[in-house]
Amino acid sequence: MDFEILKDQIEPPDQNNNVWIFHVRLADKQRSEAKIRIDASDLNAWVKQALGRDPHSDRGDKDKLGDLRANWEKIEPVLRKHLSAALAP
């Protein structure tokens, strides 16, 4: 399934959980959108796989979100691989 990860709509975890929310736009006729919930530990592992280091998080999740967006070209292919499994029927 083809889809676009909407990097400007990534939601960091709320105060009391460790779940990031990624919004994706599906390449179907309706161009529908879906939300995929990703555990923070999985996201950290995928960023480390893409960048060879842990994501920056000196100031918490906002810092990590900035790191994701700043290194999007390297991180996006790894995210796409893992998110496609979540979107598979």
PDB file of N, CA and C in Angstrom:
ATOM      1  N   MET A   1       0.844  -1.173   0.000  1.00  0.00           N
ATOM      2  CA  MET A   1       0.000   0.000   0.000  1.00  0.00           C
ATOM      3  C   MET A   1       0.887   1.234   0.000  1.00  0.00           C
ATOM      4  N   ASP A   2       0.567   2.167  -0.860  1.00  0.00           N
ATOM      5  CA  ASP A   2       1.337   3.398  -0.938  1.00  0.00           C
ATOM      6  C   ASP A   2       0.701   4.450  -0.031  1.00  0.00           C
ATOM      7  N   PHE A   3       1.552   5.228   0.615  1.00  0.00           N
ATOM      8  CA  PHE A   3       1.063   6.246   1.540  1.00  0.00           C
ATOM      9  C   PHE A   3       2.124   7.322   1.731  1.00  0.00           C
ATOM     10  N   GLU A   4       1.702   8.437   2.284  1.00  0.00           N
ATOM     11  CA  GLU A   4       2.596   9.551   2.600  1.00  0.00           C
ATOM     12  C   GLU A   4       2.531   9.783   4.105  1.00  0.00           C
ATOM     13  N   ILE A   5       3.698   9.860   4.746  1.00  0.00           N
ATOM     14  CA  ILE A   5       3.742  10.180   6.167  1.00  0.00           C
ATOM     15  C   ILE A   5       3.727  11.705   6.283  1.00  0.00           C
ATOM     16  N   LEU A   6       2.778  12.236   7.016  1.00  0.00           N
ATOM     17  CA  LEU A   6       2.620  13.686   7.147  1.00  0.00           C
ATOM     18  C   LEU A   6       3.493  14.177   8.302  1.00  0.00           C
ATOM     19  N   LYS A   7       4.739  14.528   7.975  1.00  0.00           N
ATOM     20  CA  LYS A   7       5.707  14.846   9.031  1.00  0.00           C
ATOM     21  C   LYS A   7       5.325  16.074   9.849  1.00  0.00           C
ATOM     22  N   ASP A   8       4.551  16.985   9.294  1.00  0.00           N
ATOM     23  CA  ASP A   8       4.156  18.175  10.048  1.00  0.00           C
ATOM     24  C   ASP A   8       3.003  17.898  11.009  1.00  0.00           C
ATOM     25  N   GLN A   9       2.460  16.689  10.964  1.00  0.00           N
ATOM     26  CA  GLN A   9       1.349  16.343  11.850  1.00  0.00           C
ATOM     27  C   GLN A   9       1.717  15.262  12.865  1.00  0.00           C
ATOM     28  N   ILE A  10       3.007  14.994  13.036  1.00  0.00           N
ATOM     29  CA  ILE A  10       3.436  14.013  14.030  1.00  0.00           C
ATOM     30  C   ILE A  10       3.094  14.555  15.419  1.00  0.00           C
ATOM     31  N   GLU A  11       2.475  13.708  16.224  1.00  0.00           N
ATOM     32  CA  GLU A  11       2.083  14.109  17.579  1.00  0.00           C
ATOM     33  C   GLU A  11       2.952  13.392  18.608  1.00  0.00           C
ATOM     34  N   PRO A  12       3.711  14.150  19.411  1.00  0.00           N
ATOM     35  CA  PRO A  12       4.482  13.511  20.484  1.00  0.00           C
ATOM     36  C   PRO A  12       3.538  12.971  21.559  1.00  0.00           C
ATOM     37  N   PRO A  13       4.051  12.136  22.442  1.00  0.00           N
ATOM     38  CA  PRO A  13       3.190  11.555  23.479  1.00  0.00           C
ATOM     39  C   PRO A  13       2.590  12.611  24.397  1.00  0.00           C
ATOM     40  N   ASP A  14       1.413  12.282  24.907  1.00  0.00           N
ATOM     41  CA  ASP A  14       0.839  13.085  25.977  1.00  0.00           C
ATOM     42  C   ASP A  14       1.689  12.879  27.223  1.00  0.00           C
ATOM     43  N   GLN A  15       1.398  13.646  28.235  1.00  0.00           N
ATOM     44  CA  GLN A  15       2.214  13.627  29.443  1.00  0.00           C
ATOM     45  C   GLN A  15       2.322  12.247  30.091  1.00  0.00           C
ATOM     46  N   ASN A  16       1.270  11.475  30.075  1.00  0.00           N
ATOM     47  CA  ASN A  16       1.267  10.216  30.819  1.00  0.00           C
ATOM     48  C   ASN A  16       1.352   8.962  29.963  1.00  0.00           C
ATOM     49  N   ASN A  17       1.871   9.076  28.736  1.00  0.00           N
ATOM     50  CA  ASN A  17       2.033   7.859  27.935  1.00  0.00           C
ATOM     51  C   ASN A  17       3.285   7.958  27.078  1.00  0.00           C
ATOM     52  N   ASN A  18       3.605   6.890  26.400  1.00  0.00           N
ATOM     53  CA  ASN A  18       4.799   6.829  25.558  1.00  0.00           C
ATOM     54  C   ASN A  18       4.451   6.510  24.116  1.00  0.00           C
ATOM     55  N   VAL A  19       3.311   6.997  23.645  1.00  0.00           N
ATOM     56  CA  VAL A  19       2.850   6.660  22.301  1.00  0.00           C
ATOM     57  C   VAL A  19       2.872   7.901  21.412  1.00  0.00           C
ATOM     58  N   TRP A  20       3.618   7.789  20.314  1.00  0.00           N
ATOM     59  CA  TRP A  20       3.651   8.824  19.289  1.00  0.00           C
ATOM     60  C   TRP A  20       2.559   8.511  18.283  1.00  0.00           C
ATOM     61  N   ILE A  21       1.964   9.553  17.702  1.00  0.00           N
ATOM     62  CA  ILE A  21       0.936   9.338  16.681  1.00  0.00           C
ATOM     63  C   ILE A  21       1.435   9.909  15.359  1.00  0.00           C
ATOM     64  N   PHE A  22       1.459   9.050  14.347  1.00  0.00           N
ATOM     65  CA  PHE A  22       1.862   9.439  12.999  1.00  0.00           C
ATOM     66  C   PHE A  22       0.624   9.450  12.118  1.00  0.00           C
ATOM     67  N   HIS A  23       0.413  10.558  11.435  1.00  0.00           N
ATOM     68  CA  HIS A  23      -0.692  10.673  10.487  1.00  0.00           C
ATOM     69  C   HIS A  23      -0.153  10.316   9.110  1.00  0.00           C
ATOM     70  N   VAL A  24      -0.897   9.484   8.403  1.00  0.00           N
ATOM     71  CA  VAL A  24      -0.501   9.100   7.045  1.00  0.00           C
ATOM     72  C   VAL A  24      -1.667   9.349   6.099  1.00  0.00           C
ATOM     73  N   ARG A  25      -1.333   9.723   4.881  1.00  0.00           N
ATOM     74  CA  ARG A  25      -2.341   9.891   3.828  1.00  0.00           C
ATOM     75  C   ARG A  25      -2.190   8.714   2.887  1.00  0.00           C
ATOM     76  N   LEU A  26      -3.263   7.973   2.739  1.00  0.00           N
ATOM     77  CA  LEU A  26      -3.248   6.791   1.887  1.00  0.00           C
ATOM     78  C   LEU A  26      -3.404   7.193   0.427  1.00  0.00           C
ATOM     79  N   ALA A  27      -2.818   6.412  -0.439  1.00  0.00           N
ATOM     80  CA  ALA A  27      -2.891   6.710  -1.871  1.00  0.00           C
ATOM     81  C   ALA A  27      -4.081   6.003  -2.496  1.00  0.00           C
ATOM     82  N   ASP A  28      -5.207   6.020  -1.803  1.00  0.00           N
ATOM     83  CA  ASP A  28      -6.416   5.453  -2.375  1.00  0.00           C
ATOM     84  C   ASP A  28      -7.204   6.551  -3.094  1.00  0.00           C
ATOM     85  N   LYS A  29      -8.310   6.195  -3.673  1.00  0.00           N
ATOM     86  CA  LYS A  29      -9.082   7.177  -4.449  1.00  0.00           C
ATOM     87  C   LYS A  29      -9.593   8.323  -3.593  1.00  0.00           C
ATOM     88  N   GLN A  30      -9.891   8.056  -2.334  1.00  0.00           N
ATOM     89  CA  GLN A  30     -10.416   9.100  -1.451  1.00  0.00           C
ATOM     90  C   GLN A  30      -9.308   9.906  -0.766  1.00  0.00           C
ATOM     91  N   ARG A  31      -8.052   9.485  -0.942  1.00  0.00           N
ATOM     92  CA  ARG A  31      -6.919  10.134  -0.263  1.00  0.00           C
ATOM     93  C   ARG A  31      -7.187  10.222   1.234  1.00  0.00           C
ATOM     94  N   SER A  32      -7.714   9.135   1.780  1.00  0.00           N
ATOM     95  CA  SER A  32      -8.068   9.106   3.192  1.00  0.00           C
ATOM     96  C   SER A  32      -6.813   9.137   4.074  1.00  0.00           C
ATOM     97  N   GLU A  33      -7.035   9.487   5.326  1.00  0.00           N
ATOM     98  CA  GLU A  33      -5.935   9.569   6.276  1.00  0.00           C
ATOM     99  C   GLU A  33      -6.142   8.553   7.383  1.00  0.00           C
ATOM    100  N   ALA A  34      -5.028   8.131   7.970  1.00  0.00           N
ATOM    101  CA  ALA A  34      -5.063   7.193   9.086  1.00  0.00           C
ATOM    102  C   ALA A  34      -4.080   7.669  10.143  1.00  0.00           C
ATOM    103  N   LYS A  35      -4.329   7.262  11.376  1.00  0.00           N
ATOM    104  CA  LYS A  35      -3.409   7.546  12.473  1.00  0.00           C
ATOM    105  C   LYS A  35      -2.781   6.227  12.901  1.00  0.00           C
ATOM    106  N   ILE A  36      -1.468   6.243  13.044  1.00  0.00           N
ATOM    107  CA  ILE A  36      -0.763   5.046  13.485  1.00  0.00           C
ATOM    108  C   ILE A  36      -0.073   5.373  14.795  1.00  0.00           C
ATOM    109  N   ARG A  37      -0.329   4.550  15.807  1.00  0.00           N
ATOM    110  CA  ARG A  37       0.255   4.748  17.127  1.00  0.00           C
ATOM    111  C   ARG A  37       1.554   3.942  17.210  1.00  0.00           C
ATOM    112  N   ILE A  38       2.642   4.621  17.600  1.00  0.00           N
ATOM    113  CA  ILE A  38       3.955   3.987  17.677  1.00  0.00           C
ATOM    114  C   ILE A  38       4.514   4.180  19.081  1.00  0.00           C
ATOM    115  N   ASP A  39       4.914   3.084  19.704  1.00  0.00           N
ATOM    116  CA  ASP A  39       5.518   3.149  21.028  1.00  0.00           C
ATOM    117  C   ASP A  39       6.859   3.887  20.945  1.00  0.00           C
ATOM    118  N   ALA A  40       7.153   4.704  21.943  1.00  0.00           N
ATOM    119  CA  ALA A  40       8.376   5.521  21.941  1.00  0.00           C
ATOM    120  C   ALA A  40       9.637   4.665  21.843  1.00  0.00           C
ATOM    121  N   SER A  41       9.649   3.501  22.471  1.00  0.00           N
ATOM    122  CA  SER A  41      10.851   2.661  22.405  1.00  0.00           C
ATOM    123  C   SER A  41      11.072   2.131  20.987  1.00  0.00           C
ATOM    124  N   ASP A  42       9.989   1.801  20.275  1.00  0.00           N
ATOM    125  CA  ASP A  42      10.122   1.381  18.873  1.00  0.00           C
ATOM    126  C   ASP A  42      10.639   2.535  18.024  1.00  0.00           C
ATOM    127  N   LEU A  43      10.082   3.719  18.230  1.00  0.00           N
ATOM    128  CA  LEU A  43      10.521   4.886  17.466  1.00  0.00           C
ATOM    129  C   LEU A  43      11.995   5.173  17.708  1.00  0.00           C
ATOM    130  N   ASN A  44      12.425   5.094  18.961  1.00  0.00           N
ATOM    131  CA  ASN A  44      13.841   5.319  19.273  1.00  0.00           C
ATOM    132  C   ASN A  44      14.735   4.325  18.543  1.00  0.00           C
ATOM    133  N   ALA A  45      14.319   3.063  18.508  1.00  0.00           N
ATOM    134  CA  ALA A  45      15.106   2.032  17.820  1.00  0.00           C
ATOM    135  C   ALA A  45      15.182   2.313  16.322  1.00  0.00           C
ATOM    136  N   TRP A  46      14.069   2.755  15.731  1.00  0.00           N
ATOM    137  CA  TRP A  46      14.057   3.030  14.294  1.00  0.00           C
ATOM    138  C   TRP A  46      14.911   4.244  13.954  1.00  0.00           C
ATOM    139  N   VAL A  47      14.887   5.259  14.814  1.00  0.00           N
ATOM    140  CA  VAL A  47      15.736   6.441  14.590  1.00  0.00           C
ATOM    141  C   VAL A  47      17.200   6.042  14.705  1.00  0.00           C
ATOM    142  N   LYS A  48      17.513   5.207  15.682  1.00  0.00           N
ATOM    143  CA  LYS A  48      18.897   4.746  15.836  1.00  0.00           C
ATOM    144  C   LYS A  48      19.331   3.943  14.612  1.00  0.00           C
ATOM    145  N   GLN A  49      18.421   3.159  14.068  1.00  0.00           N
ATOM    146  CA  GLN A  49      18.713   2.389  12.849  1.00  0.00           C
ATOM    147  C   GLN A  49      19.004   3.338  11.683  1.00  0.00           C
ATOM    148  N   ALA A  50      18.244   4.425  11.582  1.00  0.00           N
ATOM    149  CA  ALA A  50      18.397   5.361  10.461  1.00  0.00           C
ATOM    150  C   ALA A  50      19.607   6.266  10.617  1.00  0.00           C
ATOM    151  N   LEU A  51      19.866   6.729  11.835  1.00  0.00           N
ATOM    152  CA  LEU A  51      20.904   7.738  12.045  1.00  0.00           C
ATOM    153  C   LEU A  51      22.175   7.191  12.688  1.00  0.00           C
ATOM    154  N   GLY A  52      22.110   5.986  13.213  1.00  0.00           N
ATOM    155  CA  GLY A  52      23.278   5.432  13.894  1.00  0.00           C
ATOM    156  C   GLY A  52      23.473   6.020  15.286  1.00  0.00           C
ATOM    157  N   ARG A  53      22.454   6.664  15.813  1.00  0.00           N
ATOM    158  CA  ARG A  53      22.509   7.255  17.152  1.00  0.00           C
ATOM    159  C   ARG A  53      21.090   7.378  17.687  1.00  0.00           C
ATOM    160  N   ASP A  54      21.002   7.582  18.996  1.00  0.00           N
ATOM    161  CA  ASP A  54      19.688   7.811  19.597  1.00  0.00           C
ATOM    162  C   ASP A  54      19.188   9.191  19.197  1.00  0.00           C
ATOM    163  N   PRO A  55      17.869   9.376  19.166  1.00  0.00           N
ATOM    164  CA  PRO A  55      17.344  10.709  18.844  1.00  0.00           C
ATOM    165  C   PRO A  55      17.683  11.706  19.953  1.00  0.00           C
ATOM    166  N   HIS A  56      17.885  12.959  19.564  1.00  0.00           N
ATOM    167  CA  HIS A  56      18.127  13.998  20.558  1.00  0.00           C
ATOM    168  C   HIS A  56      16.890  14.147  21.423  1.00  0.00           C
ATOM    169  N   SER A  57      17.102  14.249  22.726  1.00  0.00           N
ATOM    170  CA  SER A  57      15.945  14.438  23.605  1.00  0.00           C
ATOM    171  C   SER A  57      16.348  15.172  24.879  1.00  0.00           C
ATOM    172  N   ASP A  58      17.325  16.067  24.740  1.00  0.00           N
ATOM    173  CA  ASP A  58      17.779  16.821  25.908  1.00  0.00           C
ATOM    174  C   ASP A  58      16.641  17.574  26.579  1.00  0.00           C
ATOM    175  N   ARG A  59      15.728  18.101  25.761  1.00  0.00           N
ATOM    176  CA  ARG A  59      14.590  18.858  26.298  1.00  0.00           C
ATOM    177  C   ARG A  59      13.288  18.078  26.167  1.00  0.00           C
ATOM    178  N   GLY A  60      13.377  16.769  26.064  1.00  0.00           N
ATOM    179  CA  GLY A  60      12.180  15.940  26.017  1.00  0.00           C
ATOM    180  C   GLY A  60      11.681  15.684  24.601  1.00  0.00           C
ATOM    181  N   ASP A  61      10.382  15.426  24.516  1.00  0.00           N
ATOM    182  CA  ASP A  61       9.786  15.006  23.250  1.00  0.00           C
ATOM    183  C   ASP A  61       9.787  16.089  22.183  1.00  0.00           C
ATOM    184  N   LYS A  62       9.727  17.352  22.576  1.00  0.00           N
ATOM    185  CA  LYS A  62       9.775  18.429  21.571  1.00  0.00           C
ATOM    186  C   LYS A  62      11.141  18.431  20.875  1.00  0.00           C
ATOM    187  N   ASP A  63      12.195  18.147  21.621  1.00  0.00           N
ATOM    188  CA  ASP A  63      13.528  18.061  21.047  1.00  0.00           C
ATOM    189  C   ASP A  63      13.619  16.866  20.092  1.00  0.00           C
ATOM    190  N   LYS A  64      13.024  15.742  20.494  1.00  0.00           N
ATOM    191  CA  LYS A  64      13.023  14.550  19.651  1.00  0.00           C
ATOM    192  C   LYS A  64      12.239  14.807  18.360  1.00  0.00           C
ATOM    193  N   LEU A  65      11.111  15.508  18.474  1.00  0.00           N
ATOM    194  CA  LEU A  65      10.316  15.847  17.296  1.00  0.00           C
ATOM    195  C   LEU A  65      11.124  16.719  16.335  1.00  0.00           C
ATOM    196  N   GLY A  66      11.853  17.684  16.859  1.00  0.00           N
ATOM    197  CA  GLY A  66      12.715  18.522  16.023  1.00  0.00           C
ATOM    198  C   GLY A  66      13.788  17.713  15.327  1.00  0.00           C
ATOM    199  N   ASP A  67      14.349  16.738  16.030  1.00  0.00           N
ATOM    200  CA  ASP A  67      15.369  15.865  15.450  1.00  0.00           C
ATOM    201  C   ASP A  67      14.775  15.017  14.330  1.00  0.00           C
ATOM    202  N   LEU A  68      13.556  14.512  14.537  1.00  0.00           N
ATOM    203  CA  LEU A  68      12.890  13.739  13.481  1.00  0.00           C
ATOM    204  C   LEU A  68      12.728  14.576  12.219  1.00  0.00           C
ATOM    205  N   ARG A  69      12.215  15.784  12.396  1.00  0.00           N
ATOM    206  CA  ARG A  69      11.973  16.647  11.234  1.00  0.00           C
ATOM    207  C   ARG A  69      13.276  17.094  10.570  1.00  0.00           C
ATOM    208  N   ALA A  70      14.311  17.378  11.363  1.00  0.00           N
ATOM    209  CA  ALA A  70      15.585  17.839  10.801  1.00  0.00           C
ATOM    210  C   ALA A  70      16.289  16.745   9.998  1.00  0.00           C
ATOM    211  N   ASN A  71      16.054  15.499  10.356  1.00  0.00           N
ATOM    212  CA  ASN A  71      16.715  14.373   9.677  1.00  0.00           C
ATOM    213  C   ASN A  71      15.732  13.511   8.899  1.00  0.00           C
ATOM    214  N   TRP A  72      14.647  14.135   8.459  1.00  0.00           N
ATOM    215  CA  TRP A  72      13.549  13.413   7.825  1.00  0.00           C
ATOM    216  C   TRP A  72      13.998  12.579   6.628  1.00  0.00           C
ATOM    217  N   GLU A  73      14.900  13.070   5.824  1.00  0.00           N
ATOM    218  CA  GLU A  73      15.321  12.346   4.612  1.00  0.00           C
ATOM    219  C   GLU A  73      15.933  10.993   4.960  1.00  0.00           C
ATOM    220  N   LYS A  74      16.601  10.900   6.105  1.00  0.00           N
ATOM    221  CA  LYS A  74      17.217   9.640   6.515  1.00  0.00           C
ATOM    222  C   LYS A  74      16.243   8.758   7.292  1.00  0.00           C
ATOM    223  N   ILE A  75      15.367   9.387   8.061  1.00  0.00           N
ATOM    224  CA  ILE A  75      14.473   8.645   8.943  1.00  0.00           C
ATOM    225  C   ILE A  75      13.240   8.124   8.200  1.00  0.00           C
ATOM    226  N   GLU A  76      12.734   8.879   7.254  1.00  0.00           N
ATOM    227  CA  GLU A  76      11.482   8.532   6.568  1.00  0.00           C
ATOM    228  C   GLU A  76      11.489   7.139   5.934  1.00  0.00           C
ATOM    229  N   PRO A  77      12.565   6.718   5.239  1.00  0.00           N
ATOM    230  CA  PRO A  77      12.531   5.368   4.647  1.00  0.00           C
ATOM    231  C   PRO A  77      12.407   4.255   5.691  1.00  0.00           C
ATOM    232  N   VAL A  78      13.044   4.427   6.837  1.00  0.00           N
ATOM    233  CA  VAL A  78      12.961   3.422   7.896  1.00  0.00           C
ATOM    234  C   VAL A  78      11.547   3.417   8.490  1.00  0.00           C
ATOM    235  N   LEU A  79      10.994   4.606   8.729  1.00  0.00           N
ATOM    236  CA  LEU A  79       9.621   4.693   9.235  1.00  0.00           C
ATOM    237  C   LEU A  79       8.642   4.068   8.250  1.00  0.00           C
ATOM    238  N   ARG A  80       8.828   4.363   6.972  1.00  0.00           N
ATOM    239  CA  ARG A  80       7.932   3.836   5.932  1.00  0.00           C
ATOM    240  C   ARG A  80       7.912   2.304   5.965  1.00  0.00           C
ATOM    241  N   LYS A  81       9.080   1.711   6.119  1.00  0.00           N
ATOM    242  CA  LYS A  81       9.179   0.247   6.161  1.00  0.00           C
ATOM    243  C   LYS A  81       8.360  -0.312   7.328  1.00  0.00           C
ATOM    244  N   HIS A  82       8.499   0.299   8.502  1.00  0.00           N
ATOM    245  CA  HIS A  82       7.810  -0.212   9.678  1.00  0.00           C
ATOM    246  C   HIS A  82       6.321   0.152   9.686  1.00  0.00           C
ATOM    247  N   LEU A  83       5.985   1.339   9.197  1.00  0.00           N
ATOM    248  CA  LEU A  83       4.590   1.742   9.186  1.00  0.00           C
ATOM    249  C   LEU A  83       3.789   0.964   8.144  1.00  0.00           C
ATOM    250  N   SER A  84       4.456   0.515   7.045  1.00  0.00           N
ATOM    251  CA  SER A  84       3.713  -0.259   6.055  1.00  0.00           C
ATOM    252  C   SER A  84       3.184  -1.543   6.659  1.00  0.00           C
ATOM    253  N   ALA A  85       3.914  -2.105   7.608  1.00  0.00           N
ATOM    254  CA  ALA A  85       3.434  -3.326   8.281  1.00  0.00           C
ATOM    255  C   ALA A  85       2.171  -3.019   9.072  1.00  0.00           C
ATOM    256  N   ALA A  86       2.098  -1.838   9.675  1.00  0.00           N
ATOM    257  CA  ALA A  86       0.918  -1.459  10.449  1.00  0.00           C
ATOM    258  C   ALA A  86      -0.298  -1.205   9.539  1.00  0.00           C
ATOM    259  N   LEU A  87      -0.031  -0.835   8.302  1.00  0.00           N
ATOM    260  CA  LEU A  87      -1.132  -0.533   7.361  1.00  0.00           C
ATOM    261  C   LEU A  87      -1.560  -1.732   6.532  1.00  0.00           C
ATOM    262  N   ALA A  88      -0.780  -2.810   6.607  1.00  0.00           N
ATOM    263  CA  ALA A  88      -1.101  -3.998   5.796  1.00  0.00           C
ATOM    264  C   ALA A  88      -2.440  -4.577   6.241  1.00  0.00           C
ATOM    265  N   PRO A  89      -3.241  -5.032   5.268  1.00  0.00           N
ATOM    266  CA  PRO A  89      -4.554  -5.607   5.615  1.00  0.00           C
ATOM    267  C   PRO A  89      -4.457  -6.901   6.381  1.00  0.00           C
TER     268      PRO A  89
END
